[in-house]
């Protein structure tokens, strides 16, 4: 069935039908990490958000080229083009080469993303590998009259640009007042206006990372890399540019200005941004010092955590809210996510032991036939992952009701239910059971499962006959053998406590 995908375009502040520039090809660029520290929960959210989009677009039949960059130079401590390069500063502190720092934390980032089941992008370019392309971008902007050289550095002339185009259209800012106010600071520093941003920075003598250019030995401004690499790998016009909401201004606003100043028009059709993860209402981030690394989540080694949480619990936690809403971290929220994930995965596992009847009861048949499109409708409405999970929980209740012999399902409907639940849970949401990474005990686990299923089926029949003594005896003996059996309002569940 053909699906119509709506995505929220930050540029126009509304949901829009997704129509690629050159179907079936889709170009997608997402801002990746600045690799000077361990990845934290704030890194996980954009990675998982755009992983869901990547998965869904491919499922819809699009041929997606997904580019996610590695920032390994040019990201200064302050967005106002001041301070040390974050990676160079770390390198000095640890007495290492900057590329050692960048490579180490790139590896750490990849390990964490793999654990979270985030698919690798099609291309992962590094800023340091594209200095020439960034210099070419700067030269184009200079040649078109929207930049100026000052003491060996090159700055983007926002006032000149704003006379012809609109700087601020992504973030909704009116910079006329800002530009006028900045005139009071004329003559201070290298910039004509304090709102101008660096395209190329002359390196100070102590600066480790530097490259020769016609302006000076220096390094590119932070904003240049995404414009240059996006154009190199996706062309001068591509479909989607994504990242965290904190990048709307100044980073993505500057990207739009750079692209327009160099080529005369916008490069990106749809701008997508995920919201922040907060702790006590404050954005989580390395610069604020309030972050929890992903490794700390996986090991439980942090004062705010009562225990370790699996990568899939973290993924489930992030997907339990819509990507454009804020998510406030708490240990209690992670515990709830852990239980929710277990419930969903147990139901998917239990599909294999649902008894098949000759026909469905009407309510079950109606639910199963409507489920797939309901889930597609959730995904098509700007990736409403939290609604997908909610509807999958309804499917869990149906599975438990079937296991408890309180409803009937035919073979075809059971196959449709199983196919739908697995498609949206595993393939599209990217969730996987804890034992999905394999192990030598899988055959034994399967044998245990079949025996327990058979015994629980006998127990269900005993309960149906109101033979409570036999029913309780079966439950107690299973418990003694290490199998925990729970009777819930939705049906019976079990797990092996070993």
Protein backbone atom coordinates (compact mmCIF):
# COMPACT_ATOMS: atom_id res chain seq x y z
CA UNK A 1 0.00 0.00 0.00
CA UNK A 2 1.27 3.47 -0.83
CA UNK A 3 2.02 5.71 2.15
CA UNK A 4 2.03 9.51 2.37
CA UNK A 5 4.71 10.71 4.75
CA UNK A 6 4.37 14.07 6.48
CA UNK A 7 7.41 15.62 8.15
CA UNK A 8 7.70 18.85 10.10
CA UNK A 9 9.81 21.38 8.20
CA UNK A 10 11.44 23.79 10.64
CA UNK A 11 11.95 26.25 7.78
CA UNK A 12 8.19 26.74 7.29
CA UNK A 13 7.10 25.72 10.81
CA UNK A 14 4.56 23.20 9.57
CA UNK A 15 4.14 19.59 8.54
CA UNK A 16 4.65 19.04 4.84
CA UNK A 17 4.22 16.09 2.53
CA UNK A 18 7.58 14.52 1.83
CA UNK A 19 8.28 14.72 -1.90
CA UNK A 20 11.91 14.03 -2.82
CA UNK A 21 13.66 16.23 -5.35
CA UNK A 22 14.76 13.24 -7.46
CA UNK A 23 12.63 10.21 -6.50
CA UNK A 24 13.24 7.43 -5.68
CA UNK A 25 16.58 8.89 -4.50
CA UNK A 26 16.72 10.73 -1.17
CA UNK A 27 19.64 12.75 0.12
CA UNK A 28 19.81 13.17 3.91
CA UNK A 29 22.50 15.00 5.89
CA UNK A 30 22.59 14.91 9.69
CA UNK A 31 25.01 16.78 11.93
CA UNK A 32 27.17 14.26 13.76
CA UNK A 33 29.28 14.51 16.92
CA UNK A 34 32.20 16.74 17.82
CA UNK A 35 34.60 14.03 18.93
CA UNK A 36 36.36 15.31 22.03
CA UNK A 37 34.53 13.31 24.73
CA UNK A 38 32.45 10.21 25.36
CA UNK A 39 28.99 10.14 23.75
CA UNK A 40 26.10 10.87 26.11
CA UNK A 41 22.32 10.68 26.07
CA UNK A 42 22.13 13.96 24.16
CA UNK A 43 24.08 12.34 21.30
CA UNK A 44 21.81 9.31 21.31
CA UNK A 45 18.65 11.25 20.60
CA UNK A 46 19.48 12.68 17.14
CA UNK A 47 21.21 9.44 16.17
CA UNK A 48 18.12 7.39 17.02
CA UNK A 49 15.67 9.97 15.61
CA UNK A 50 17.29 10.03 12.19
CA UNK A 51 17.96 6.29 12.31
CA UNK A 52 14.17 5.84 12.48
CA UNK A 53 13.74 8.17 9.50
CA UNK A 54 16.50 6.34 7.59
CA UNK A 55 14.87 2.97 8.28
CA UNK A 56 11.39 4.17 7.36
CA UNK A 57 12.39 5.89 4.13
CA UNK A 58 14.18 2.73 2.99
CA UNK A 59 11.14 0.66 3.99
CA UNK A 60 8.97 2.90 1.80
CA UNK A 61 11.20 2.03 -1.14
CA UNK A 62 13.43 5.10 -1.33
CA UNK A 63 17.13 4.80 -2.13
CA UNK A 64 18.63 6.86 0.67
CA UNK A 65 22.12 8.32 0.78
CA UNK A 66 22.57 9.20 4.44
CA UNK A 67 25.54 11.45 5.28
CA UNK A 68 26.50 12.08 8.91
CA UNK A 69 29.67 14.07 9.57
CA UNK A 70 32.39 13.82 12.18
CA UNK A 71 33.48 17.26 13.45
CA UNK A 72 37.18 16.93 14.21
CA UNK A 73 38.31 20.53 13.71
CA UNK A 74 37.01 24.09 13.85
CA UNK A 75 34.43 23.77 16.64
CA UNK A 76 35.54 26.48 19.05
CA UNK A 77 34.48 26.73 22.68
CA UNK A 78 32.17 29.62 21.92
CA UNK A 79 29.93 30.00 18.88
CA UNK A 80 31.13 33.61 18.60
CA UNK A 81 34.34 32.33 17.01
CA UNK A 82 36.32 32.64 20.24
CA UNK A 83 38.21 30.31 22.51
CA UNK A 84 40.16 27.13 21.81
CA UNK A 85 39.30 24.40 19.37
CA UNK A 86 37.67 21.79 21.62
CA UNK A 87 39.69 18.89 20.21
CA UNK A 88 43.00 20.78 20.24
CA UNK A 89 42.38 21.81 23.86
CA UNK A 90 41.72 18.18 24.85
CA UNK A 91 44.88 17.12 22.98
CA UNK A 92 47.00 19.62 24.94
CA UNK A 93 45.51 18.51 28.25
CA UNK A 94 46.21 14.84 27.54
CA UNK A 95 49.49 15.47 25.65
CA UNK A 96 48.28 13.66 22.56
CA UNK A 97 47.97 14.46 18.88
CA UNK A 98 44.57 16.02 18.05
CA UNK A 99 43.87 13.16 15.64
CA UNK A 100 44.48 10.67 18.45
CA UNK A 101 41.75 12.40 20.44
CA UNK A 102 39.42 12.53 17.43
CA UNK A 103 39.98 8.89 16.48
CA UNK A 104 39.59 7.60 20.04
CA UNK A 105 36.27 9.35 20.61
CA UNK A 106 35.04 8.53 17.10
CA UNK A 107 35.59 4.86 17.94
CA UNK A 108 33.78 5.33 21.26
CA UNK A 109 30.88 6.99 19.45
CA UNK A 110 30.62 4.12 16.96
CA UNK A 111 30.66 1.52 19.73
CA UNK A 112 27.84 3.27 21.56
CA UNK A 113 25.77 3.72 18.40
CA UNK A 114 26.22 0.06 17.47
CA UNK A 115 25.01 -0.93 20.94
CA UNK A 116 21.94 1.27 20.43
CA UNK A 117 21.30 -0.52 17.11
CA UNK A 118 21.76 2.71 15.13
CA UNK A 119 22.50 1.87 11.51
CA UNK A 120 25.74 3.26 10.10
CA UNK A 121 25.24 6.12 7.60
CA UNK A 122 26.01 5.68 3.91
CA UNK A 123 28.92 8.14 4.17
CA UNK A 124 30.62 9.52 7.28
CA UNK A 125 32.95 12.34 6.19
CA UNK A 126 35.42 14.04 8.53
CA UNK A 127 35.88 17.80 8.51
CA UNK A 128 39.68 17.43 8.41
CA UNK A 129 39.37 15.36 5.24
CA UNK A 130 37.57 18.17 3.41
CA UNK A 131 39.68 21.28 4.03
CA UNK A 132 40.01 21.93 0.28
CA UNK A 133 36.24 21.82 -0.24
CA UNK A 134 35.76 24.24 2.66
CA UNK A 135 38.36 26.61 1.25
CA UNK A 136 36.58 26.49 -2.12
CA UNK A 137 33.31 27.38 -0.37
CA UNK A 138 34.93 30.35 1.36
CA UNK A 139 36.41 31.56 -1.95
CA UNK A 140 32.99 31.36 -3.66
CA UNK A 141 31.40 33.45 -0.91
CA UNK A 142 34.24 36.00 -1.12
CA UNK A 143 33.97 36.17 -4.91
CA UNK A 144 30.22 36.82 -4.62
CA UNK A 145 30.84 39.72 -2.26
CA UNK A 146 29.35 38.27 0.94
CA UNK A 147 32.56 37.93 2.96
CA UNK A 148 35.69 39.93 3.77
CA UNK A 149 39.26 39.25 4.87
CA UNK A 150 40.45 40.71 8.16
CA UNK A 151 43.93 40.08 9.57
CA UNK A 152 44.20 36.73 7.79
CA UNK A 153 40.74 35.53 8.86
CA UNK A 154 37.65 35.50 6.62
CA UNK A 155 34.26 36.56 7.98
CA UNK A 156 30.78 36.25 6.55
CA UNK A 157 29.23 39.70 6.03
CA UNK A 158 25.74 39.27 7.45
CA UNK A 159 24.68 42.89 6.84
CA UNK A 160 25.60 42.64 3.14
CA UNK A 161 23.85 39.27 2.88
CA UNK A 162 20.76 40.53 4.68
CA UNK A 163 20.34 43.31 2.12
CA UNK A 164 19.66 40.74 -0.60
CA UNK A 165 18.51 37.64 1.29
CA UNK A 166 17.01 36.94 4.70
CA UNK A 167 19.37 35.88 7.45
CA UNK A 168 17.24 34.46 10.26
CA UNK A 169 14.49 32.74 8.30
CA UNK A 170 15.13 29.33 9.86
CA UNK A 171 15.25 30.52 13.46
CA UNK A 172 12.69 33.30 13.01
CA UNK A 173 15.10 35.99 14.17
CA UNK A 174 15.04 39.55 12.88
CA UNK A 175 18.67 40.54 12.73
CA UNK A 176 18.18 44.16 11.62
CA UNK A 177 18.12 45.32 15.24
CA UNK A 178 21.07 43.10 16.13
CA UNK A 179 23.11 44.48 13.25
CA UNK A 180 22.29 48.08 14.19
CA UNK A 181 23.20 47.49 17.84
CA UNK A 182 26.49 45.87 16.87
CA UNK A 183 27.62 49.11 15.16
CA UNK A 184 28.35 50.50 18.60
CA UNK A 185 31.19 47.96 18.75
CA UNK A 186 32.78 48.97 15.45
CA UNK A 187 36.54 48.84 15.61
CA UNK A 188 36.53 46.21 18.32
CA UNK A 189 38.17 43.01 17.10
CA UNK A 190 38.42 41.84 13.51
CA UNK A 191 34.72 41.80 12.60
CA UNK A 192 32.77 44.60 10.97
CA UNK A 193 29.73 43.52 12.97
CA UNK A 194 29.71 41.31 16.01
CA UNK A 195 27.07 39.08 14.36
CA UNK A 196 29.43 38.17 11.49
CA UNK A 197 30.78 34.65 11.73
CA UNK A 198 34.09 33.08 10.77
CA UNK A 199 34.53 31.20 7.51
CA UNK A 200 38.28 30.86 8.00
CA UNK A 201 40.28 31.58 11.15
CA UNK A 202 43.93 32.53 11.19
CA UNK A 203 45.70 30.19 13.60
CA UNK A 204 47.53 31.67 16.54
CA UNK A 205 51.12 30.46 17.05
CA UNK A 206 50.06 27.98 19.74
CA UNK A 207 47.21 26.52 17.66
CA UNK A 208 48.01 22.90 16.76
CA UNK A 209 45.52 22.26 13.93
CA UNK A 210 46.27 24.46 10.91
CA UNK A 211 46.31 24.31 7.12
CA UNK A 212 47.80 26.66 4.52
CA UNK A 213 45.47 28.92 2.55
CA UNK A 214 45.70 32.09 0.45
CA UNK A 215 44.49 34.07 3.49
CA UNK A 216 46.66 32.56 6.25
CA UNK A 217 47.71 29.35 7.90
CA UNK A 218 44.53 28.54 9.73
CA UNK A 219 41.43 26.38 9.92
CA UNK A 220 37.83 26.54 8.69
CA UNK A 221 34.99 27.95 10.74
CA UNK A 222 32.69 25.37 12.32
CA UNK A 223 29.73 26.14 10.03
CA UNK A 224 31.64 25.53 6.79
CA UNK A 225 32.07 21.77 7.01
CA UNK A 226 28.41 20.77 6.71
CA UNK A 227 27.73 23.07 3.76
CA UNK A 228 30.85 21.89 1.92
CA UNK A 229 30.42 18.18 2.63
CA UNK A 230 26.67 18.19 2.11
CA UNK A 231 27.15 19.69 -1.35
CA UNK A 232 30.03 17.33 -2.19
CA UNK A 233 28.10 14.14 -1.42
CA UNK A 234 24.47 15.12 -1.98
CA UNK A 235 24.67 17.87 -4.59
CA UNK A 236 23.74 21.55 -4.58
CA UNK A 237 20.11 20.68 -3.74
CA UNK A 238 19.14 17.82 -1.47
CA UNK A 239 16.12 16.69 0.51
CA UNK A 240 16.70 16.58 4.28
CA UNK A 241 19.08 18.21 6.73
CA UNK A 242 18.69 17.15 10.33
CA UNK A 243 20.14 17.70 13.77
CA UNK A 244 19.32 18.80 17.28
CA UNK A 245 17.15 21.84 17.91
CA UNK A 246 20.11 23.58 19.53
CA UNK A 247 21.72 23.73 16.08
CA UNK A 248 18.94 25.82 14.48
CA UNK A 249 20.81 28.95 15.53
CA UNK A 250 23.51 29.72 14.79
CA UNK A 251 24.80 26.60 13.01
CA UNK A 252 22.02 25.80 10.57
CA UNK A 253 21.13 29.44 10.04
CA UNK A 254 24.75 30.01 9.01
CA UNK A 255 24.66 26.96 6.75
CA UNK A 256 21.68 28.40 4.86
CA UNK A 257 23.48 31.73 4.49
CA UNK A 258 26.69 30.05 3.25
CA UNK A 259 24.85 27.92 0.70
CA UNK A 260 22.79 30.83 -0.62
CA UNK A 261 25.75 33.22 -0.71
CA UNK A 262 27.85 30.69 -2.65
CA UNK A 263 25.30 29.30 -5.10
CA UNK A 264 22.43 31.82 -5.14
CA UNK A 265 19.69 29.67 -3.63
CA UNK A 266 18.84 27.29 -0.79
CA UNK A 267 20.49 23.90 -0.70
CA UNK A 268 18.03 22.04 1.56
CA UNK A 269 14.32 21.35 1.04
CA UNK A 270 13.34 20.01 4.49
CA UNK A 271 14.98 21.01 7.77
CA UNK A 272 14.24 18.59 10.64
CA UNK A 273 15.22 19.00 14.29
CA UNK A 274 14.86 16.80 17.32
CA UNK A 275 14.27 18.41 20.69
CA UNK A 276 16.51 18.20 23.72
CA UNK A 277 16.91 15.75 26.57
CA UNK A 278 16.84 17.62 29.86
CA UNK A 279 17.80 16.96 33.47
CA UNK A 280 15.60 18.89 35.87
CA UNK A 281 14.51 21.09 32.98
CA UNK A 282 18.05 22.01 31.85
CA UNK A 283 19.51 20.83 28.54
CA UNK A 284 21.89 17.90 28.89
CA UNK A 285 25.28 18.64 27.36
CA UNK A 286 29.03 18.32 27.76
CA UNK A 287 29.48 22.08 27.88
CA UNK A 288 27.10 22.30 30.85
CA UNK A 289 28.72 19.43 32.74
CA UNK A 290 25.37 17.78 33.53
CA UNK A 291 25.55 14.90 31.09
CA UNK A 292 25.52 11.14 31.67
CA UNK A 293 27.59 9.15 29.20
CA UNK A 294 26.07 6.19 27.42
CA UNK A 295 28.67 3.93 28.99
CA UNK A 296 27.52 5.10 32.42
CA UNK A 297 23.96 4.13 31.51
CA UNK A 298 25.13 0.72 30.33
CA UNK A 299 27.16 0.11 33.52
CA UNK A 300 25.00 1.98 36.05
CA UNK A 301 28.09 3.88 37.22
CA UNK A 302 26.53 7.28 37.98
CA UNK A 303 25.02 8.82 41.10
CA UNK A 304 21.70 9.53 39.35
CA UNK A 305 21.27 5.89 38.31
CA UNK A 306 19.99 3.14 40.58
CA UNK A 307 21.17 0.39 38.22
CA UNK A 308 22.57 -0.36 34.78
CA UNK A 309 20.25 -0.02 31.79
CA UNK A 310 20.56 -1.91 28.54
CA UNK A 311 21.10 -0.05 25.25
CA UNK A 312 17.62 -1.15 24.13
CA UNK A 313 16.09 0.37 27.25
CA UNK A 314 17.78 3.68 26.35
CA UNK A 315 16.50 3.41 22.78
CA UNK A 316 12.98 2.61 24.02
CA UNK A 317 13.13 5.57 26.43
CA UNK A 318 14.00 7.96 23.60
CA UNK A 319 11.33 6.55 21.27
CA UNK A 320 8.66 6.79 23.97
CA UNK A 321 8.37 10.51 23.23
CA UNK A 322 7.91 12.27 19.90
CA UNK A 323 11.21 13.50 18.52
CA UNK A 324 10.11 17.16 18.58
CA UNK A 325 9.13 17.10 22.27
CA UNK A 326 11.52 17.49 25.17
CA UNK A 327 12.33 14.43 27.25
CA UNK A 328 13.20 14.95 30.89
CA UNK A 329 15.53 12.29 32.20
CA UNK A 330 14.89 10.48 35.47
CA UNK A 331 15.83 7.11 36.87
CA UNK A 332 12.12 6.39 37.33
CA UNK A 333 11.45 7.06 33.63
CA UNK A 334 14.17 4.58 32.68
CA UNK A 335 12.69 1.94 35.00
CA UNK A 336 9.31 2.43 33.31
CA UNK A 337 10.98 2.12 29.90
CA UNK A 338 12.69 -1.09 30.97
CA UNK A 339 9.34 -2.60 31.97
CA UNK A 340 7.67 -1.37 28.80
CA UNK A 341 10.39 -2.85 26.60
CA UNK A 342 10.19 -6.17 28.45
CA UNK A 343 6.43 -6.25 28.01
CA UNK A 344 6.71 -5.62 24.27
CA UNK A 345 9.48 -8.13 23.71
CA UNK A 346 7.72 -10.80 25.78
CA UNK A 347 4.60 -10.40 23.67
CA UNK A 348 6.58 -10.76 20.44
CA UNK A 349 8.27 -13.88 21.81
CA UNK A 350 4.89 -15.22 22.96
CA UNK A 351 3.47 -14.96 19.43
CA UNK A 352 5.08 -18.35 18.70
CA UNK A 353 2.92 -20.06 21.30
CA UNK A 354 -0.45 -18.44 20.57
CA UNK A 355 -3.01 -21.23 19.93
CA UNK A 356 -4.53 -21.19 16.43
CA UNK A 357 -8.26 -21.69 15.87
CA UNK A 358 -10.30 -22.40 12.77
CA UNK A 359 -11.65 -18.87 12.86
CA UNK A 360 -11.22 -15.56 14.66
CA UNK A 361 -13.66 -13.92 16.95
CA UNK A 362 -14.90 -10.68 15.40
CA UNK A 363 -13.12 -8.31 17.78
CA UNK A 364 -9.72 -9.93 17.28
CA UNK A 365 -10.10 -10.04 13.50
CA UNK A 366 -11.11 -6.38 13.39
CA UNK A 367 -8.12 -5.34 15.51
CA UNK A 368 -5.58 -7.32 13.49
CA UNK A 369 -6.85 -6.10 10.12
CA UNK A 370 -6.68 -2.45 11.25
CA UNK A 371 -3.37 -2.60 13.14
CA UNK A 372 -0.87 -2.32 10.29
CA UNK A 373 -2.41 0.82 8.77
CA UNK A 374 -2.83 2.39 12.20
CA UNK A 375 0.92 1.96 12.74
CA UNK A 376 1.68 3.32 9.27
CA UNK A 377 -0.54 6.32 10.04
CA UNK A 378 1.53 6.96 13.18
CA UNK A 379 4.80 6.81 11.25
CA UNK A 380 3.44 8.91 8.39
CA UNK A 381 2.42 11.64 10.83
CA UNK A 382 5.93 13.02 11.36
CA UNK A 383 7.28 9.78 12.90
CA UNK A 384 5.00 9.52 15.94
CA UNK A 385 7.05 6.76 17.55
CA UNK A 386 5.28 7.13 20.90
CA UNK A 387 1.95 6.36 19.21
CA UNK A 388 3.47 3.35 17.45
CA UNK A 389 4.51 2.03 20.86
CA UNK A 390 1.06 2.73 22.30
CA UNK A 391 -0.64 0.73 19.54
CA UNK A 392 1.92 -2.06 19.90
CA UNK A 393 0.99 -2.25 23.59
CA UNK A 394 -2.61 -2.79 22.50
CA UNK A 395 -1.33 -5.68 20.39
CA UNK A 396 0.44 -7.04 23.49
CA UNK A 397 -2.90 -7.13 25.30
CA UNK A 398 -4.41 -9.06 22.41
CA UNK A 399 -1.54 -11.58 22.48
CA UNK A 400 -1.98 -12.14 26.22
CA UNK A 401 -5.74 -12.50 25.82
CA UNK A 402 -5.17 -15.17 23.15
CA UNK A 403 -2.68 -17.00 25.35
CA UNK A 404 -5.22 -16.99 28.17
CA UNK A 405 -7.81 -18.59 25.86
CA UNK A 406 -10.10 -15.58 26.22
CA UNK A 407 -10.14 -14.94 22.47
CA UNK A 408 -9.57 -16.88 19.25
CA UNK A 409 -7.44 -16.18 16.20
CA UNK A 410 -7.08 -17.97 12.86
CA UNK A 411 -3.79 -18.86 11.18
CA UNK A 412 -3.88 -16.01 8.63
CA UNK A 413 -4.66 -13.34 11.24
CA UNK A 414 -1.97 -14.65 13.59
CA UNK A 415 0.59 -14.47 10.78
CA UNK A 416 -0.53 -10.90 10.01
CA UNK A 417 -0.34 -9.91 13.69
CA UNK A 418 3.14 -11.40 14.08
CA UNK A 419 4.39 -9.86 10.84
CA UNK A 420 3.07 -6.42 11.76
CA UNK A 421 4.42 -6.42 15.32
CA UNK A 422 7.86 -7.59 14.23
CA UNK A 423 8.04 -5.15 11.31
CA UNK A 424 7.33 -2.07 13.39
CA UNK A 425 9.12 -3.14 16.58
CA UNK A 426 12.28 -4.70 15.18
CA UNK A 427 12.73 -3.38 11.64
CA UNK A 428 11.40 0.18 11.96
CA UNK A 429 11.79 1.11 15.64
CA UNK A 430 15.04 -0.86 15.69
CA UNK A 431 14.32 -2.57 19.01
CA UNK A 432 15.66 -6.05 19.55
CA UNK A 433 15.39 -8.65 22.32
CA UNK A 434 18.18 -8.90 24.88
CA UNK A 435 19.37 -12.23 23.49
CA UNK A 436 19.40 -11.03 19.88
CA UNK A 437 23.20 -10.92 19.84
CA UNK A 438 23.28 -14.69 19.97
CA UNK A 439 24.93 -17.18 22.30
CA UNK A 440 25.30 -20.90 22.69
CA UNK A 441 22.18 -21.37 24.79
CA UNK A 442 19.58 -20.41 22.19
CA UNK A 443 18.56 -23.99 21.41
CA UNK A 444 18.22 -24.76 25.10
CA UNK A 445 16.15 -21.59 25.65
CA UNK A 446 13.86 -22.63 22.79
CA UNK A 447 13.42 -26.10 24.29
CA UNK A 448 12.62 -24.58 27.68
CA UNK A 449 10.07 -22.35 26.01
CA UNK A 450 8.26 -25.19 24.31
CA UNK A 451 8.02 -27.18 27.55
CA UNK A 452 6.77 -24.19 29.53
CA UNK A 453 4.23 -23.37 26.81
CA UNK A 454 2.90 -26.92 26.92
CA UNK A 455 2.65 -26.89 30.73
CA UNK A 456 0.97 -23.48 30.77
CA UNK A 457 -1.51 -24.68 28.19
CA UNK A 458 -2.40 -27.52 30.59
CA UNK A 459 -2.70 -24.96 33.39
CA UNK A 460 -5.02 -22.79 31.29
CA UNK A 461 -7.26 -25.79 30.69
CA UNK A 462 -7.27 -26.55 34.41
CA UNK A 463 -8.27 -22.96 35.15
CA UNK A 464 -11.01 -23.13 32.51
CA UNK A 465 -12.34 -26.24 34.27
CA UNK A 466 -12.05 -24.38 37.62
CA UNK A 467 -9.53 -26.94 38.85
CA UNK A 468 -7.72 -24.36 40.96
CA UNK A 469 -5.62 -26.87 42.86
CA UNK A 470 -4.00 -28.24 39.68
CA UNK A 471 -3.58 -24.71 38.29
CA UNK A 472 -1.79 -23.50 41.42
CA UNK A 473 0.35 -26.64 41.63
CA UNK A 474 1.62 -26.15 38.07
CA UNK A 475 2.47 -22.50 38.78
CA UNK A 476 4.28 -23.32 42.04
CA UNK A 477 6.31 -26.16 40.53
CA UNK A 478 7.35 -23.99 37.60
CA UNK A 479 8.45 -21.33 40.10
CA UNK A 480 10.52 -23.89 41.98
CA UNK A 481 12.24 -24.77 38.71
CA UNK A 482 13.13 -21.11 38.11
CA UNK A 483 10.21 -20.06 35.88
CA UNK A 484 8.27 -16.99 37.05
CA UNK A 485 4.62 -17.15 36.00
CA UNK A 486 2.40 -14.08 36.35
CA UNK A 487 -1.35 -13.86 35.91
CA UNK A 488 -2.23 -10.36 34.73
CA UNK A 489 -5.45 -8.73 33.61
CA UNK A 490 -4.20 -9.13 30.04
CA UNK A 491 -3.30 -12.80 30.37
CA UNK A 492 -0.44 -14.99 31.57
CA UNK A 493 3.26 -14.20 31.13
CA UNK A 494 6.40 -16.11 32.08
CA UNK A 495 10.14 -15.70 32.16
CA UNK A 496 13.16 -17.76 33.21
CA UNK A 497 14.85 -16.30 36.29
CA UNK A 498 18.34 -17.63 35.74
